[in-house]
PDB file of N, CA and C in Angstrom:
ATOM      1  N   MET A   1      53.724 189.066 169.876  1.00  0.00           N
ATOM      2  CA  MET A   1      52.928 187.865 169.895  1.00  0.00           C
ATOM      3  C   MET A   1      52.504 188.114 167.834  1.00  0.00           C
ATOM      4  N   ASP A   2      51.858 189.030 168.008  1.00  0.00           N
ATOM      5  CA  ASP A   2      51.613 189.519 166.769  1.00  0.00           C
ATOM      6  C   ASP A   2      52.769 189.214 165.848  1.00  0.00           C
ATOM      7  N   PHE A   3      53.285 189.892 166.044  1.00  0.00           N
ATOM      8  CA  PHE A   3      54.550 190.266 165.441  1.00  0.00           C
ATOM      9  C   PHE A   3      55.147 188.483 164.678  1.00  0.00           C
ATOM     10  N   PHE A   4      55.165 187.968 165.620  1.00  0.00           N
ATOM     11  CA  PHE A   4      55.636 186.372 165.464  1.00  0.00           C
ATOM     12  C   PHE A   4      54.537 185.844 164.246  1.00  0.00           C
ATOM     13  N   LYS A   5      53.330 185.322 164.728  1.00  0.00           N
ATOM     14  CA  LYS A   5      51.945 185.447 163.582  1.00  0.00           C
ATOM     15  C   LYS A   5      52.404 185.960 162.591  1.00  0.00           C
ATOM     16  N   SER A   6      52.571 186.797 162.005  1.00  0.00           N
ATOM     17  CA  SER A   6      52.647 187.997 161.133  1.00  0.00           C
ATOM     18  C   SER A   6      54.165 187.136 160.405  1.00  0.00           C
ATOM     19  N   ARG A   7      54.609 187.051 161.132  1.00  0.00           N
ATOM     20  CA  ARG A   7      56.066 186.491 160.181  1.00  0.00           C
ATOM     21  C   ARG A   7      55.981 184.906 159.996  1.00  0.00           C
ATOM     22  N   MET A   8      55.163 184.710 160.875  1.00  0.00           N
ATOM     23  CA  MET A   8      54.758 183.302 160.226  1.00  0.00           C
ATOM     24  C   MET A   8      54.069 182.953 159.243  1.00  0.00           C
ATOM     25  N   VAL A   9      52.916 183.959 158.938  1.00  0.00           N
ATOM     26  CA  VAL A   9      52.035 183.733 157.930  1.00  0.00           C
ATOM     27  C   VAL A   9      53.347 184.231 156.783  1.00  0.00           C
ATOM     28  N   LYS A  10      53.472 184.901 156.601  1.00  0.00           N
ATOM     29  CA  LYS A  10      54.448 185.771 155.370  1.00  0.00           C
ATOM     30  C   LYS A  10      55.292 183.898 154.984  1.00  0.00           C
ATOM     31  N   LEU A  11      56.434 183.529 156.068  1.00  0.00           N
ATOM     32  CA  LEU A  11      56.705 182.968 155.375  1.00  0.00           C
ATOM     33  C   LEU A  11      56.379 181.548 154.917  1.00  0.00           C
ATOM     34  N   GLY A  12      55.109 181.664 155.659  1.00  0.00           N
ATOM     35  CA  GLY A  12      54.064 180.355 155.351  1.00  0.00           C
ATOM     36  C   GLY A  12      53.824 180.743 153.935  1.00  0.00           C
ATOM     37  N   LEU A  13      53.637 181.786 153.173  1.00  0.00           N
ATOM     38  CA  LEU A  13      53.250 182.039 152.077  1.00  0.00           C
ATOM     39  C   LEU A  13      54.254 182.289 150.937  1.00  0.00           C
ATOM     40  N   ALA A  14      55.500 182.656 151.970  1.00  0.00           N
ATOM     41  CA  ALA A  14      56.418 182.053 150.806  1.00  0.00           C
ATOM     42  C   ALA A  14      56.554 180.749 150.194  1.00  0.00           C
ATOM     43  N   VAL A  15      56.423 180.305 151.723  1.00  0.00           N
ATOM     44  CA  VAL A  15      57.179 178.398 150.841  1.00  0.00           C
ATOM     45  C   VAL A  15      55.975 178.208 150.550  1.00  0.00           C
ATOM     46  N   GLY A  16      54.636 178.681 150.122  1.00  0.00           N
ATOM     47  CA  GLY A  16      53.702 178.051 149.653  1.00  0.00           C
ATOM     48  C   GLY A  16      53.950 178.430 148.346  1.00  0.00           C
ATOM     49  N   PHE A  17      54.485 179.884 147.974  1.00  0.00           N
ATOM     50  CA  PHE A  17      54.961 179.963 146.331  1.00  0.00           C
ATOM     51  C   PHE A  17      55.454 179.369 146.133  1.00  0.00           C
ATOM     52  N   PHE A  18      57.212 179.318 146.602  1.00  0.00           N
ATOM     53  CA  PHE A  18      58.062 178.611 146.312  1.00  0.00           C
ATOM     54  C   PHE A  18      57.245 177.407 145.748  1.00  0.00           C
ATOM     55  N   LEU A  19      56.944 176.647 146.590  1.00  0.00           N
ATOM     56  CA  LEU A  19      56.810 174.873 146.519  1.00  0.00           C
ATOM     57  C   LEU A  19      55.388 174.954 144.720  1.00  0.00           C
ATOM     58  N   ALA A  20      54.044 176.107 144.778  1.00  0.00           N
ATOM     59  CA  ALA A  20      54.044 176.946 143.888  1.00  0.00           C
ATOM     60  C   ALA A  20      54.900 176.033 142.426  1.00  0.00           C
ATOM     61  N   ILE A  21      55.573 177.099 142.476  1.00  0.00           N
ATOM     62  CA  ILE A  21      57.293 177.402 141.767  1.00  0.00           C
ATOM     63  C   ILE A  21      57.139 175.722 141.579  1.00  0.00           C
ATOM     64  N   PHE A  22      57.925 175.612 142.120  1.00  0.00           N
ATOM     65  CA  PHE A  22      58.381 173.843 141.994  1.00  0.00           C
ATOM     66  C   PHE A  22      57.584 173.258 141.500  1.00  0.00           C
ATOM     67  N   PHE A  23      56.234 172.794 141.622  1.00  0.00           N
ATOM     68  CA  PHE A  23      55.452 172.121 141.347  1.00  0.00           C
ATOM     69  C   PHE A  23      55.402 172.166 139.919  1.00  0.00           C
ATOM     70  N   PHE A  24      54.995 173.820 139.108  1.00  0.00           N
ATOM     71  CA  PHE A  24      54.653 174.118 138.654  1.00  0.00           C
ATOM     72  C   PHE A  24      55.741 173.590 137.465  1.00  0.00           C
ATOM     73  N   VAL A  25      57.065 174.564 137.650  1.00  0.00           N
ATOM     74  CA  VAL A  25      58.152 174.404 137.230  1.00  0.00           C
ATOM     75  C   VAL A  25      58.262 172.702 136.322  1.00  0.00           C
ATOM     76  N   TYR A  26      58.002 171.892 137.757  1.00  0.00           N
ATOM     77  CA  TYR A  26      58.857 170.173 137.061  1.00  0.00           C
ATOM     78  C   TYR A  26      58.058 169.502 136.583  1.00  0.00           C
ATOM     79  N   PHE A  27      56.800 169.772 137.227  1.00  0.00           N
ATOM     80  CA  PHE A  27      55.141 168.384 137.157  1.00  0.00           C
ATOM     81  C   PHE A  27      54.248 168.793 135.423  1.00  0.00           C
ATOM     82  N   THR A  28      54.290 170.378 135.759  1.00  0.00           N
ATOM     83  CA  THR A  28      53.678 170.669 133.949  1.00  0.00           C
ATOM     84  C   THR A  28      54.059 169.924 132.669  1.00  0.00           C
ATOM     85  N   ASP A  29      53.525 169.855 131.382  1.00  0.00           N
ATOM     86  CA  ASP A  29      54.270 169.916 130.429  1.00  0.00           C
ATOM     87  C   ASP A  29      54.979 170.726 130.036  1.00  0.00           C
ATOM     88  N   GLY A  30      56.242 170.822 129.333  1.00  0.00           N
ATOM     89  CA  GLY A  30      56.879 171.236 128.803  1.00  0.00           C
ATOM     90  C   GLY A  30      57.843 170.981 130.327  1.00  0.00           C
ATOM     91  N   GLY A  31      57.577 171.169 131.667  1.00  0.00           N
ATOM     92  CA  GLY A  31      58.249 170.870 132.993  1.00  0.00           C
ATOM     93  C   GLY A  31      59.889 170.610 132.974  1.00  0.00           C
ATOM     94  N   LEU A  32      60.568 170.713 134.507  1.00  0.00           N
ATOM     95  CA  LEU A  32      61.678 170.217 134.316  1.00  0.00           C
ATOM     96  C   LEU A  32      62.052 168.951 133.970  1.00  0.00           C
ATOM     97  N   LYS A  33      60.393 167.868 134.796  1.00  0.00           N
ATOM     98  CA  LYS A  33      61.155 166.449 134.302  1.00  0.00           C
ATOM     99  C   LYS A  33      60.810 166.217 132.917  1.00  0.00           C
ATOM    100  N   GLU A  34      59.905 166.788 132.119  1.00  0.00           N
ATOM    101  CA  GLU A  34      59.551 166.388 131.019  1.00  0.00           C
ATOM    102  C   GLU A  34      60.765 166.955 129.607  1.00  0.00           C
ATOM    103  N   TYR A  35      61.305 167.765 129.876  1.00  0.00           N
ATOM    104  CA  TYR A  35      63.147 168.261 129.147  1.00  0.00           C
ATOM    105  C   TYR A  35      64.159 166.870 129.914  1.00  0.00           C
ATOM    106  N   LEU A  36      63.482 166.882 131.089  1.00  0.00           N
ATOM    107  CA  LEU A  36      64.678 165.492 131.106  1.00  0.00           C
ATOM    108  C   LEU A  36      64.537 164.001 130.312  1.00  0.00           C
ATOM    109  N   ASN A  37      63.431 163.947 130.347  1.00  0.00           N
ATOM    110  CA  ASN A  37      62.864 162.927 129.991  1.00  0.00           C
ATOM    111  C   ASN A  37      63.092 162.786 128.359  1.00  0.00           C
ATOM    112  N   LEU A  38      62.557 163.490 127.509  1.00  0.00           N
ATOM    113  CA  LEU A  38      63.428 164.067 126.504  1.00  0.00           C
ATOM    114  C   LEU A  38      64.765 164.133 126.243  1.00  0.00           C
ATOM    115  N   LYS A  39      65.867 164.590 127.124  1.00  0.00           N
ATOM    116  CA  LYS A  39      67.400 164.900 126.959  1.00  0.00           C
ATOM    117  C   LYS A  39      68.020 163.950 127.188  1.00  0.00           C
ATOM    118  N   GLY A  40      67.454 162.667 127.931  1.00  0.00           N
ATOM    119  CA  GLY A  40      67.605 161.030 127.724  1.00  0.00           C
ATOM    120  C   GLY A  40      67.397 160.321 126.825  1.00  0.00           C
ATOM    121  N   ASP A  41      66.016 160.954 126.003  1.00  0.00           N
ATOM    122  CA  ASP A  41      65.994 160.318 124.916  1.00  0.00           C
ATOM    123  C   ASP A  41      66.676 160.721 123.731  1.00  0.00           C
ATOM    124  N   VAL A  42      67.249 161.978 123.453  1.00  0.00           N
ATOM    125  CA  VAL A  42      67.745 162.894 122.739  1.00  0.00           C
ATOM    126  C   VAL A  42      68.557 162.050 122.737  1.00  0.00           C
ATOM    127  N   ASP A  43      69.925 161.323 123.816  1.00  0.00           N
ATOM    128  CA  ASP A  43      70.941 161.381 124.018  1.00  0.00           C
ATOM    129  C   ASP A  43      71.199 159.509 122.963  1.00  0.00           C
ATOM    130  N   ILE A  44      70.042 158.592 123.758  1.00  0.00           N
ATOM    131  CA  ILE A  44      69.606 157.642 122.894  1.00  0.00           C
ATOM    132  C   ILE A  44      69.808 157.271 121.708  1.00  0.00           C
ATOM    133  N   LEU A  45      69.216 158.136 120.971  1.00  0.00           N
ATOM    134  CA  LEU A  45      68.564 158.904 119.879  1.00  0.00           C
ATOM    135  C   LEU A  45      69.816 158.883 118.817  1.00  0.00           C
ATOM    136  N   ARG A  46      71.113 159.876 119.651  1.00  0.00           N
ATOM    137  CA  ARG A  46      72.542 160.175 119.424  1.00  0.00           C
ATOM    138  C   ARG A  46      73.374 158.907 119.133  1.00  0.00           C
ATOM    139  N   GLU A  47      73.224 158.383 120.060  1.00  0.00           N
ATOM    140  CA  GLU A  47      74.016 156.890 119.976  1.00  0.00           C
ATOM    141  C   GLU A  47      73.692 156.101 118.821  1.00  0.00           C
ATOM    142  N   GLN A  48      72.144 155.693 118.835  1.00  0.00           N
ATOM    143  CA  GLN A  48      71.939 155.184 117.618  1.00  0.00           C
ATOM    144  C   GLN A  48      72.161 155.995 116.663  1.00  0.00           C
ATOM    145  N   LEU A  49      72.817 156.997 116.190  1.00  0.00           N
ATOM    146  CA  LEU A  49      72.344 157.780 114.998  1.00  0.00           C
ATOM    147  C   LEU A  49      73.851 157.167 114.661  1.00  0.00           C
ATOM    148  N   GLU A  50      74.809 157.777 115.722  1.00  0.00           N
ATOM    149  CA  GLU A  50      76.270 157.640 116.134  1.00  0.00           C
ATOM    150  C   GLU A  50      76.830 155.827 115.101  1.00  0.00           C
ATOM    151  N   ALA A  51      75.354 154.729 116.183  1.00  0.00           N
ATOM    152  CA  ALA A  51      75.806 153.303 115.532  1.00  0.00           C
ATOM    153  C   ALA A  51      75.735 153.367 113.734  1.00  0.00           C
ATOM    154  N   GLU A  52      74.715 153.414 113.357  1.00  0.00           N
ATOM    155  CA  GLU A  52      73.893 153.881 111.785  1.00  0.00           C
ATOM    156  C   GLU A  52      75.318 154.407 111.454  1.00  0.00           C
ATOM    157  N   ARG A  53      75.403 155.253 111.474  1.00  0.00           N
ATOM    158  CA  ARG A  53      76.820 156.130 110.793  1.00  0.00           C
ATOM    159  C   ARG A  53      78.161 155.033 110.997  1.00  0.00           C
ATOM    160  N   GLY A  54      78.630 154.083 111.295  1.00  0.00           N
ATOM    161  CA  GLY A  54      79.444 153.698 111.456  1.00  0.00           C
ATOM    162  C   GLY A  54      79.012 152.398 110.289  1.00  0.00           C
ATOM    163  N   LYS A  55      77.660 151.619 110.121  1.00  0.00           N
ATOM    164  CA  LYS A  55      77.275 151.282 109.818  1.00  0.00           C
ATOM    165  C   LYS A  55      77.412 151.074 107.893  1.00  0.00           C
ATOM    166  N   VAL A  56      76.975 152.659 108.216  1.00  0.00           N
ATOM    167  CA  VAL A  56      76.944 153.589 106.972  1.00  0.00           C
ATOM    168  C   VAL A  56      78.681 153.523 105.780  1.00  0.00           C
ATOM    169  N   LYS A  57      78.999 153.476 107.322  1.00  0.00           N
ATOM    170  CA  LYS A  57      80.564 153.613 106.570  1.00  0.00           C
ATOM    171  C   LYS A  57      81.548 152.584 106.177  1.00  0.00           C
ATOM    172  N   ALA A  58      81.159 151.555 106.864  1.00  0.00           N
ATOM    173  CA  ALA A  58      81.189 149.576 106.517  1.00  0.00           C
ATOM    174  C   ALA A  58      80.918 149.382 105.377  1.00  0.00           C
ATOM    175  N   LEU A  59      79.422 149.420 105.601  1.00  0.00           N
ATOM    176  CA  LEU A  59      78.866 148.814 103.820  1.00  0.00           C
ATOM    177  C   LEU A  59      79.710 149.828 103.126  1.00  0.00           C
ATOM    178  N   LYS A  60      80.399 150.979 102.780  1.00  0.00           N
ATOM    179  CA  LYS A  60      79.814 151.797 101.532  1.00  0.00           C
ATOM    180  C   LYS A  60      82.121 151.624 101.944  1.00  0.00           C
ATOM    181  N   ALA A  61      82.632 151.472 102.714  1.00  0.00           N
ATOM    182  CA  ALA A  61      83.927 150.446 102.147  1.00  0.00           C
ATOM    183  C   ALA A  61      83.613 149.087 102.028  1.00  0.00           C
ATOM    184  N   GLU A  62      82.667 148.114 102.086  1.00  0.00           N
ATOM    185  CA  GLU A  62      82.600 146.701 101.352  1.00  0.00           C
ATOM    186  C   GLU A  62      82.353 146.730  99.777  1.00  0.00           C
ATOM    187  N   ILE A  63      81.501 148.416  99.304  1.00  0.00           N
ATOM    188  CA  ILE A  63      81.283 148.197  98.303  1.00  0.00           C
ATOM    189  C   ILE A  63      82.355 148.799  96.937  1.00  0.00           C
ATOM    190  N   ASP A  64      83.123 149.792  98.089  1.00  0.00           N
ATOM    191  CA  ASP A  64      85.085 150.162  97.309  1.00  0.00           C
ATOM    192  C   ASP A  64      85.142 148.834  96.704  1.00  0.00           C
ATOM    193  N   SER A  65      85.091 147.975  97.763  1.00  0.00           N
ATOM    194  CA  SER A  65      85.942 147.004  98.050  1.00  0.00           C
ATOM    195  C   SER A  65      85.496 145.930  96.852  1.00  0.00           C
ATOM    196  N   LEU A  66      83.836 145.830  96.648  1.00  0.00           N
ATOM    197  CA  LEU A  66      83.553 144.770  95.317  1.00  0.00           C
ATOM    198  C   LEU A  66      83.800 145.746  94.168  1.00  0.00           C
ATOM    199  N   LYS A  67      83.847 147.076  94.304  1.00  0.00           N
ATOM    200  CA  LYS A  67      84.152 147.647  92.907  1.00  0.00           C
ATOM    201  C   LYS A  67      85.426 147.389  92.208  1.00  0.00           C
ATOM    202  N   SER A  68      86.591 147.198  92.954  1.00  0.00           N
ATOM    203  CA  SER A  68      87.353 146.891  92.710  1.00  0.00           C
ATOM    204  C   SER A  68      88.840 145.742  92.461  1.00  0.00           C
ATOM    205  N   ASN A  69      87.969 144.971  93.860  1.00  0.00           N
ATOM    206  CA  ASN A  69      88.749 144.094  94.084  1.00  0.00           C
ATOM    207  C   ASN A  69      88.087 142.179  93.612  1.00  0.00           C
ATOM    208  N   LYS A  70      88.721 141.862  92.427  1.00  0.00           N
ATOM    209  CA  LYS A  70      88.218 141.097  91.860  1.00  0.00           C
ATOM    210  C   LYS A  70      87.537 140.025  92.736  1.00  0.00           C
ATOM    211  N   ALA A  71      88.750 138.993  93.923  1.00  0.00           N
ATOM    212  CA  ALA A  71      88.817 138.232  94.257  1.00  0.00           C
ATOM    213  C   ALA A  71      87.887 137.854  94.931  1.00  0.00           C
ATOM    214  N   LYS A  72      87.234 139.479  96.002  1.00  0.00           N
ATOM    215  CA  LYS A  72      86.361 140.123  96.860  1.00  0.00           C
ATOM    216  C   LYS A  72      84.947 139.723  96.319  1.00  0.00           C
ATOM    217  N   ILE A  73      84.797 140.150  94.574  1.00  0.00           N
ATOM    218  CA  ILE A  73      83.287 140.134  93.833  1.00  0.00           C
ATOM    219  C   ILE A  73      83.534 138.017  93.858  1.00  0.00           C
ATOM    220  N   GLU A  74      84.419 137.849  93.210  1.00  0.00           N
ATOM    221  CA  GLU A  74      84.124 136.024  93.268  1.00  0.00           C
ATOM    222  C   GLU A  74      84.131 135.529  94.351  1.00  0.00           C
ATOM    223  N   LYS A  75      84.480 135.909  95.656  1.00  0.00           N
ATOM    224  CA  LYS A  75      84.332 135.205  97.209  1.00  0.00           C
ATOM    225  C   LYS A  75      82.967 135.524  97.368  1.00  0.00           C
ATOM    226  N   VAL A  76      81.726 136.865  96.630  1.00  0.00           N
ATOM    227  CA  VAL A  76      81.163 136.847  97.670  1.00  0.00           C
ATOM    228  C   VAL A  76      80.015 136.121  96.326  1.00  0.00           C
ATOM    229  N   ALA A  77      80.404 135.842  95.170  1.00  0.00           N
ATOM    230  CA  ALA A  77      79.680 135.223  94.238  1.00  0.00           C
ATOM    231  C   ALA A  77      78.891 134.170  94.580  1.00  0.00           C
ATOM    232  N   ARG A  78      79.996 133.473  95.225  1.00  0.00           N
ATOM    233  CA  ARG A  78      80.245 131.583  95.296  1.00  0.00           C
ATOM    234  C   ARG A  78      79.352 131.614  96.759  1.00  0.00           C
ATOM    235  N   GLU A  79      80.216 132.170  97.251  1.00  0.00           N
ATOM    236  CA  GLU A  79      79.682 132.430  98.992  1.00  0.00           C
ATOM    237  C   GLU A  79      77.863 132.957  98.723  1.00  0.00           C
ATOM    238  N   GLU A  80      77.719 133.909  98.443  1.00  0.00           N
ATOM    239  CA  GLU A  80      75.999 134.585  98.726  1.00  0.00           C
ATOM    240  C   GLU A  80      74.967 134.057  97.933  1.00  0.00           C
ATOM    241  N   TYR A  81      75.598 133.610  96.596  1.00  0.00           N
ATOM    242  CA  TYR A  81      74.910 133.416  95.334  1.00  0.00           C
ATOM    243  C   TYR A  81      74.765 132.313  94.443  1.00  0.00           C
ATOM    244  N   MET A  82      75.966 131.749  95.141  1.00  0.00           N
ATOM    245  CA  MET A  82      75.728 129.960  94.998  1.00  0.00           C
ATOM    246  C   MET A  82      76.053 130.533  93.125  1.00  0.00           C
ATOM    247  N   MET A  83      76.968 130.967  92.505  1.00  0.00           N
ATOM    248  CA  MET A  83      77.487 130.810  91.725  1.00  0.00           C
ATOM    249  C   MET A  83      78.778 130.057  91.179  1.00  0.00           C
ATOM    250  N   LYS A  84      79.214 129.796  90.196  1.00  0.00           N
ATOM    251  CA  LYS A  84      79.769 128.886  90.035  1.00  0.00           C
ATOM    252  C   LYS A  84      81.416 129.614  88.255  1.00  0.00           C
ATOM    253  N   GLY A  85      82.321 129.004  88.797  1.00  0.00           N
ATOM    254  CA  GLY A  85      82.639 129.380  87.266  1.00  0.00           C
ATOM    255  C   GLY A  85      83.005 128.943  86.701  1.00  0.00           C
ATOM    256  N   ARG A  86      83.649 129.175  85.617  1.00  0.00           N
ATOM    257  CA  ARG A  86      83.858 128.338  84.110  1.00  0.00           C
ATOM    258  C   ARG A  86      84.159 127.293  83.892  1.00  0.00           C
ATOM    259  N   ASN A  87      83.801 126.347  83.529  1.00  0.00           N
ATOM    260  CA  ASN A  87      83.869 125.304  83.399  1.00  0.00           C
ATOM    261  C   ASN A  87      84.827 124.652  84.997  1.00  0.00           C
ATOM    262  N   GLU A  88      82.749 125.004  85.710  1.00  0.00           N
ATOM    263  CA  GLU A  88      82.895 123.943  87.279  1.00  0.00           C
ATOM    264  C   GLU A  88      81.683 123.189  86.986  1.00  0.00           C
ATOM    265  N   GLU A  89      82.001 122.378  87.468  1.00  0.00           N
ATOM    266  CA  GLU A  89      80.401 121.738  87.523  1.00  0.00           C
ATOM    267  C   GLU A  89      80.273 122.186  89.209  1.00  0.00           C
ATOM    268  N   GLY A  90      78.428 122.282  88.741  1.00  0.00           N
ATOM    269  CA  GLY A  90      77.481 122.149  90.376  1.00  0.00           C
ATOM    270  C   GLY A  90      77.347 121.141  91.164  1.00  0.00           C
ATOM    271  N   PHE A  91      77.327 121.454  91.944  1.00  0.00           N
ATOM    272  CA  PHE A  91      76.378 120.341  93.005  1.00  0.00           C
ATOM    273  C   PHE A  91      75.736 120.271  94.280  1.00  0.00           C
ATOM    274  N   GLU A  92      74.215 120.032  94.398  1.00  0.00           N
ATOM    275  CA  GLU A  92      73.475 120.087  95.583  1.00  0.00           C
ATOM    276  C   GLU A  92      73.589 118.953  96.458  1.00  0.00           C
ATOM    277  N   ILE A  93      73.787 119.059  97.317  1.00  0.00           N
ATOM    278  CA  ILE A  93      74.154 118.756  98.587  1.00  0.00           C
ATOM    279  C   ILE A  93      72.466 119.103  99.685  1.00  0.00           C
ATOM    280  N   GLU A  94      71.467 117.177  99.267  1.00  0.00           N
ATOM    281  CA  GLU A  94      70.144 117.828 100.253  1.00  0.00           C
ATOM    282  C   GLU A  94      70.967 117.063 101.589  1.00  0.00           C
ATOM    283  N   GLU A  95      70.167 117.816 102.554  1.00  0.00           N
ATOM    284  CA  GLU A  95      70.258 117.408 103.775  1.00  0.00           C
ATOM    285  C   GLU A  95      68.937 116.941 104.305  1.00  0.00           C
ATOM    286  N   LYS A  96      69.358 115.331 104.838  1.00  0.00           N
ATOM    287  CA  LYS A  96      67.692 114.450 105.197  1.00  0.00           C
ATOM    288  C   LYS A  96      67.732 114.723 107.280  1.00  0.00           C
TER     289      LYS A  96
END
């Protein structure tokens, strides 16, 4: 009977020890739980970074086309800046 009690105490201590380590590793600052949360944040930020890099690439292509394509320059000037060409008259339309 003493052998059984001694073995149960040792088993209880071992289980308690492993539970303590688990809670320490998982729930403390800098533990596994925080690591997993931060890893998720890093993944989200990497996706956002890739999206922004795509936007930068598209804007650079737009800049290059504006530097070399006269028709593109004229189109942007007319549509976005409401400029007119030589010998053209401008009209303003008021909406009511």
